[in-house]
């Protein structure tokens, strides 16, 4: 009886491993970072290092240090059901400009 239980347990582990490995990995969150990283502000530099350490957990679509509202609009328009998460470490005017451009150039239905 003990031997049958061991075989059943091993079979269950193998089956679970096969079914788990056949699944597609979960999609990573899409991230855009707006920052004003500079040599004299260590907080953003340290945050950037921390982000890159965990880069395997995210799909980093952009690191924007200068105007990049067109990139934000392009990413939002892509055929991808995942939201684009925009972190604002600095340069929030870039996000505001992207929103303003879309509001001025598109109808509410678009």
Foldseek 3Di string as FASTA:
>chain_A
DVVVVVVVVVVVVVVVVVVVVVDDDDDAAEEEEEAQDDPVDVVVVVVVVVCVVVVVRHNDQYYDNDQDLVSVLVVCPDPDPHDYHYHPHDDCVSVVVNVVVCPVPDDPVD
